[in-house]
Protein backbone atom coordinates (compact mmCIF):
# COMPACT_ATOMS: atom_id res chain seq x y z
CA MET A 1 135.83 105.73 -5.48
CA ASP A 2 135.06 109.34 -5.08
CA ASN A 3 137.29 109.77 -2.02
CA THR A 4 140.28 108.54 -4.08
CA VAL A 5 139.50 110.92 -6.89
CA VAL A 6 139.61 113.75 -4.51
CA PHE A 7 142.82 112.47 -2.94
CA ALA A 8 144.44 112.33 -6.40
CA GLN A 9 143.53 115.77 -7.26
CA ASN A 10 144.80 117.05 -3.91
CA VAL A 11 148.08 115.20 -4.73
CA ARG A 12 148.29 116.94 -8.19
CA LYS A 13 147.62 120.34 -6.54
CA LEU A 14 150.37 119.89 -3.98
CA CYS A 15 152.77 118.56 -6.62
CA LEU A 16 152.25 121.67 -8.83
CA GLU A 17 152.70 124.01 -5.79
CA MET A 18 155.98 122.21 -4.71
CA VAL A 19 157.40 122.38 -8.31
CA TYR A 20 156.42 125.97 -8.96
CA ASN A 21 157.63 127.35 -5.55
CA THR A 22 161.09 125.77 -6.03
CA LYS A 23 161.31 126.27 -9.74
CA ALA A 24 161.85 122.58 -10.03
CA SER A 25 160.96 119.95 -12.79
CA HIS A 26 159.40 116.55 -13.42
CA ILE A 27 155.90 117.67 -12.88
CA GLY A 28 154.68 115.62 -15.91
CA GLY A 29 155.68 112.27 -14.46
CA ALA A 30 154.50 113.16 -11.02
CA LEU A 31 151.09 113.95 -12.39
CA SER A 32 150.84 110.73 -14.33
CA MET A 33 151.17 108.37 -11.45
CA SER A 34 149.03 110.41 -9.00
CA ASP A 35 146.03 108.21 -9.39
CA ILE A 36 147.87 105.06 -8.88
CA LEU A 37 149.37 106.38 -5.59
CA ALA A 38 145.94 107.72 -4.41
CA VAL A 39 144.38 104.18 -4.75
CA LEU A 40 147.29 102.34 -3.29
CA TYR A 41 147.76 104.49 -0.28
CA SER A 42 144.12 104.94 0.66
CA ARG A 43 142.75 101.44 -0.26
CA ILE A 44 145.50 98.85 -0.85
CA LEU A 45 148.65 99.12 1.15
CA ASN A 46 148.81 97.83 4.76
CA ILE A 47 150.52 100.77 6.31
CA ASP A 48 150.14 102.97 9.46
CA SER A 49 151.50 106.54 9.62
CA SER A 50 151.67 106.25 13.32
CA LYS A 51 154.03 103.26 13.07
CA PRO A 52 155.93 103.95 9.78
CA ASN A 53 158.50 101.18 10.51
CA MET A 54 156.17 98.30 11.69
CA GLU A 55 157.43 94.95 10.64
CA GLU A 56 154.29 93.85 8.94
CA ARG A 57 153.77 96.86 6.73
CA ASP A 58 153.64 96.62 2.94
CA ARG A 59 156.72 98.16 1.18
CA PHE A 60 156.26 100.68 -1.54
CA LEU A 61 159.40 101.76 -3.50
CA LEU A 62 159.31 104.64 -5.92
CA SER A 63 162.09 103.91 -8.50
CA LYS A 64 161.31 107.01 -10.57
CA GLY A 65 162.58 109.16 -7.77
CA HIS A 66 162.80 112.27 -9.82
CA ALA A 67 158.93 112.41 -9.58
CA CYS A 68 159.09 112.44 -5.85
CA THR A 69 156.60 115.30 -5.36
CA SER A 70 153.78 112.94 -5.97
CA LEU A 71 155.04 110.48 -3.20
CA TYR A 72 155.81 113.28 -0.81
CA ALA A 73 152.25 114.80 -1.27
CA THR A 74 150.62 111.36 -0.91
CA LEU A 75 152.57 110.61 2.44
CA ALA A 76 151.79 114.08 3.80
CA LEU A 77 148.05 113.58 3.00
CA CYS A 78 148.34 110.18 4.76
CA ASP A 79 149.59 111.90 7.95
CA PHE A 80 153.17 110.57 7.73
CA PHE A 81 154.28 114.17 8.36
CA PRO A 82 152.50 117.61 8.15
CA VAL A 83 151.39 118.98 4.79
CA SER A 84 153.08 122.26 5.72
CA LEU A 85 156.41 120.58 5.54
CA LEU A 86 155.97 120.29 1.74
CA ASN A 87 156.80 124.01 1.64
CA GLU A 88 160.33 123.14 2.37
CA TYR A 89 160.65 120.94 -0.85
CA GLY A 90 163.93 121.42 -2.62
CA LYS A 91 165.17 124.22 -0.51
CA ASP A 92 168.53 124.36 1.21
CA GLY A 93 168.88 122.25 4.37
CA THR A 94 165.59 120.33 3.82
CA PHE A 95 165.10 116.52 4.05
CA LEU A 96 162.57 116.71 1.13
CA LEU A 97 165.21 116.45 -1.58
CA SER A 98 164.37 116.76 -5.18
CA HIS A 99 164.85 112.93 -5.60
CA THR A 100 163.09 110.68 -3.18
CA SER A 101 164.77 110.60 0.27
CA SER A 102 164.61 107.78 2.79
CA LYS A 103 165.05 110.39 5.55
CA ILE A 104 161.31 111.05 5.04
CA PRO A 105 158.85 109.01 7.15
CA GLY A 106 157.15 106.44 4.88
CA VAL A 107 160.01 106.46 2.23
CA GLU A 108 161.60 103.12 2.10
CA LEU A 109 164.48 103.89 -0.26
CA SER A 110 166.34 106.83 -1.67
CA THR A 111 165.96 106.78 -5.29
CA GLY A 112 166.43 108.62 -8.61
CA SER A 113 169.40 106.68 -10.09
CA LEU A 114 167.04 104.68 -12.35
CA GLY A 115 167.02 100.85 -12.38
CA HIS A 116 167.80 100.40 -8.63
CA ALA A 117 164.46 100.00 -6.88
CA LEU A 118 163.38 96.77 -8.61
CA PRO A 119 166.54 94.80 -7.61
CA PHE A 120 166.19 96.17 -4.10
CA GLY A 121 162.49 95.20 -4.05
CA CYS A 122 163.42 91.78 -5.18
CA GLY A 123 165.68 91.48 -2.26
CA ILE A 124 163.06 92.59 0.19
CA ALA A 125 160.52 90.15 -1.35
CA LEU A 126 162.91 87.23 -1.18
CA SER A 127 163.88 87.97 2.38
CA ALA A 128 160.24 88.13 3.40
CA LYS A 129 159.51 84.75 1.81
CA ARG A 130 162.55 83.21 3.60
CA LYS A 131 161.45 84.56 6.84
CA GLY A 132 157.82 83.73 6.50
CA LYS A 133 156.60 87.30 6.47
CA ASP A 134 153.31 88.07 4.89
CA PHE A 135 153.75 91.65 3.59
CA ASN A 136 153.92 92.58 -0.14
CA THR A 137 156.48 94.75 -1.81
CA TYR A 138 155.37 97.21 -4.50
CA VAL A 139 157.78 98.87 -6.93
CA LEU A 140 156.70 101.65 -9.28
CA VAL A 141 158.97 102.25 -12.27
CA SER A 142 158.83 104.53 -15.24
CA ASP A 143 158.59 103.17 -18.78
CA GLY A 144 161.73 104.76 -19.90
CA GLU A 145 163.49 103.22 -16.94
CA LEU A 146 162.98 99.92 -18.54
CA ASP A 147 165.87 100.69 -20.79
CA GLU A 148 168.08 99.80 -17.69
CA GLY A 149 169.60 96.35 -17.85
CA SER A 150 169.36 95.90 -13.98
CA ASN A 151 165.60 95.92 -14.27
CA TRP A 152 165.74 92.98 -16.77
CA GLU A 153 168.04 91.08 -14.53
CA SER A 154 165.51 91.57 -11.73
CA ILE A 155 162.59 90.54 -14.08
CA LEU A 156 164.38 87.27 -14.66
CA PHE A 157 165.27 86.82 -10.98
CA ALA A 158 161.65 87.37 -9.56
CA PRO A 159 159.92 84.47 -11.21
CA HIS A 160 162.91 82.08 -10.70
CA HIS A 161 162.58 82.68 -6.91
CA LYS A 162 158.74 82.56 -7.11
CA LEU A 163 158.36 86.09 -5.66
CA ASP A 164 154.57 86.13 -5.65
CA ASN A 165 154.77 88.93 -2.99
CA LEU A 166 156.36 91.31 -5.47
CA ILE A 167 154.15 93.58 -7.45
CA LEU A 168 155.78 95.80 -10.13
CA ILE A 169 153.94 98.79 -11.49
CA VAL A 170 155.01 100.35 -14.79
CA ASP A 171 153.88 104.07 -15.16
CA TYR A 172 153.43 103.67 -18.99
CA ASN A 173 152.99 107.26 -19.96
CA LYS A 174 155.05 106.77 -23.24
CA ILE A 175 157.38 109.73 -22.86
CA GLN A 176 160.76 109.75 -21.34
CA SER A 177 163.49 112.35 -20.84
CA LEU A 178 164.51 112.99 -24.36
CA GLY A 179 161.62 111.74 -26.54
CA SER A 180 158.70 109.35 -26.84
CA VAL A 181 159.33 105.84 -25.69
CA ASP A 182 158.71 104.30 -29.13
CA GLN A 183 161.34 106.51 -30.63
CA VAL A 184 164.06 106.13 -28.01
CA ILE A 185 163.76 102.38 -27.38
CA ASN A 186 160.50 100.78 -28.31
CA LEU A 187 159.24 98.55 -25.54
CA GLU A 188 156.32 96.85 -27.32
CA SER A 189 155.06 94.42 -26.84
CA LEU A 190 155.63 94.99 -23.16
CA SER A 191 152.94 92.63 -21.91
CA LYS A 192 154.33 89.80 -24.08
CA LYS A 193 157.77 90.36 -22.81
CA PHE A 194 156.78 89.94 -19.21
CA GLU A 195 154.70 86.92 -20.01
CA SER A 196 157.65 85.36 -21.76
CA PHE A 197 159.62 86.01 -18.54
CA ASN A 198 156.82 84.18 -16.56
CA TRP A 199 155.17 87.13 -14.88
CA GLU A 200 151.43 87.46 -14.26
CA VAL A 201 150.48 90.50 -16.30
CA TYR A 202 147.78 93.07 -15.88
CA GLU A 203 147.17 95.89 -18.31
CA ILE A 204 144.98 98.77 -17.10
CA ASP A 205 144.06 102.42 -17.43
CA GLY A 206 146.26 104.06 -14.77
CA HIS A 207 143.72 106.76 -14.26
CA ASN A 208 140.55 104.57 -13.74
CA HIS A 209 140.41 104.38 -10.00
CA LEU A 210 138.02 101.43 -9.91
CA GLN A 211 140.02 99.51 -12.37
CA ILE A 212 143.28 100.05 -10.40
CA TYR A 213 141.54 99.06 -7.17
CA GLN A 214 139.99 95.90 -8.47
CA THR A 215 143.13 94.80 -10.14
CA PHE A 216 145.30 94.98 -6.90
CA LYS A 217 142.50 93.48 -4.88
CA SER A 218 142.27 90.49 -7.21
CA MET A 219 145.85 89.37 -6.91
CA LYS A 220 146.52 86.05 -5.27
CA ARG A 221 149.69 84.35 -4.03
CA ASN A 222 150.41 81.73 -6.69
CA SER A 223 154.23 81.48 -6.83
CA THR A 224 154.32 84.13 -9.67
CA PRO A 225 155.39 87.82 -9.45
CA LYS A 226 152.80 90.37 -10.81
CA VAL A 227 153.34 93.40 -13.02
CA VAL A 228 150.68 96.09 -13.57
CA ILE A 229 151.29 97.88 -16.93
CA ALA A 230 149.35 101.11 -16.25
CA HIS A 231 148.73 103.14 -19.39
CA THR A 232 148.88 106.73 -18.17
CA ILE A 233 149.09 110.33 -19.52
CA LYS A 234 152.20 112.42 -18.77
CA GLY A 235 150.88 115.64 -17.16
CA LYS A 236 147.48 114.19 -16.50
CA GLY A 237 144.93 116.62 -15.14
CA ILE A 238 146.38 119.86 -16.67
CA ASP A 239 145.45 120.04 -20.29
CA PHE A 240 148.46 122.03 -21.57
CA MET A 241 150.84 119.66 -19.92
CA GLU A 242 149.22 116.43 -21.09
CA ASN A 243 151.27 114.27 -23.36
CA LYS A 244 154.02 116.99 -23.77
CA LEU A 245 157.66 116.18 -23.58
CA LEU A 246 158.42 119.64 -22.46
CA TRP A 247 156.99 118.95 -19.05
CA HIS A 248 159.57 116.42 -18.10
CA TYR A 249 161.88 119.23 -17.28
CA LYS A 250 160.09 122.52 -17.48
CA SER A 251 159.02 124.54 -14.40
CA PRO A 252 155.72 126.32 -14.81
CA SER A 253 155.58 130.17 -15.01
CA GLU A 254 153.25 132.18 -12.81
CA SER A 255 150.53 132.11 -15.36
CA GLU A 256 150.91 128.51 -16.13
CA PHE A 257 150.86 127.67 -12.38
CA ASN A 258 147.69 129.83 -11.91
CA GLU A 259 146.01 128.11 -14.95
CA GLY A 260 147.02 124.73 -13.74
CA ILE A 261 145.54 125.24 -10.20
CA MET A 262 142.24 126.54 -11.72
CA GLN A 263 142.03 123.36 -13.79
CA LEU A 264 142.62 121.13 -10.85
CA LEU A 265 140.19 123.00 -8.55
CA LYS A 266 137.41 122.65 -11.29
CA SER A 267 137.89 119.01 -12.02
């Protein structure tokens, strides 16, 4: 899995550059899911950057659209558009908006208003089943986003309609916008909640590339939707950002940017 490790570190480096150059935010949540995206896009998803709209492609929806830098960097590294275009992130007139924009090749849905992508993903998955299409729909949500009622309506809907072509991924980094998840609204026991709603549940280390890969590869169609609860670290890869609420909104200073780049280059 060495190639996916390099991929993930390149994603992190590009994320940090985008956020620093635009004086933007949400670097912590972008870094926490970089390993998941690296494995999905390099080893799991049926996609083709030369045919981004091919009918048989797997669909990936990033519900936590505020952390879009990680997805933008991933798509650029997969040749959906030139890496140089990332320099336009967050600037006036760009398509690379600071929340995920469907105007970008490879982006299925504009997101950022939390709690919307899973209901949309349920619709895609249900349509695919009814039309006899074989692709999977993957939806990545944040843990704090599970405070939204629309998600729980979808979590009820998916097993009722036997959406075994739907895979939900929870980026469980334990920190949301205004505090730790257990202090704001405690989600535990998250796995038992999903099990009680008749989902097939996997709990993994969201930074262990082999475990991520093996988990997705092991999934079978069995009339049951799947959820991967990925335990992650907010700000993963840069030690002074890890597990720090501050980096949900803070933009790095010049010295913090330089130190972060050095750490990523050494790892």
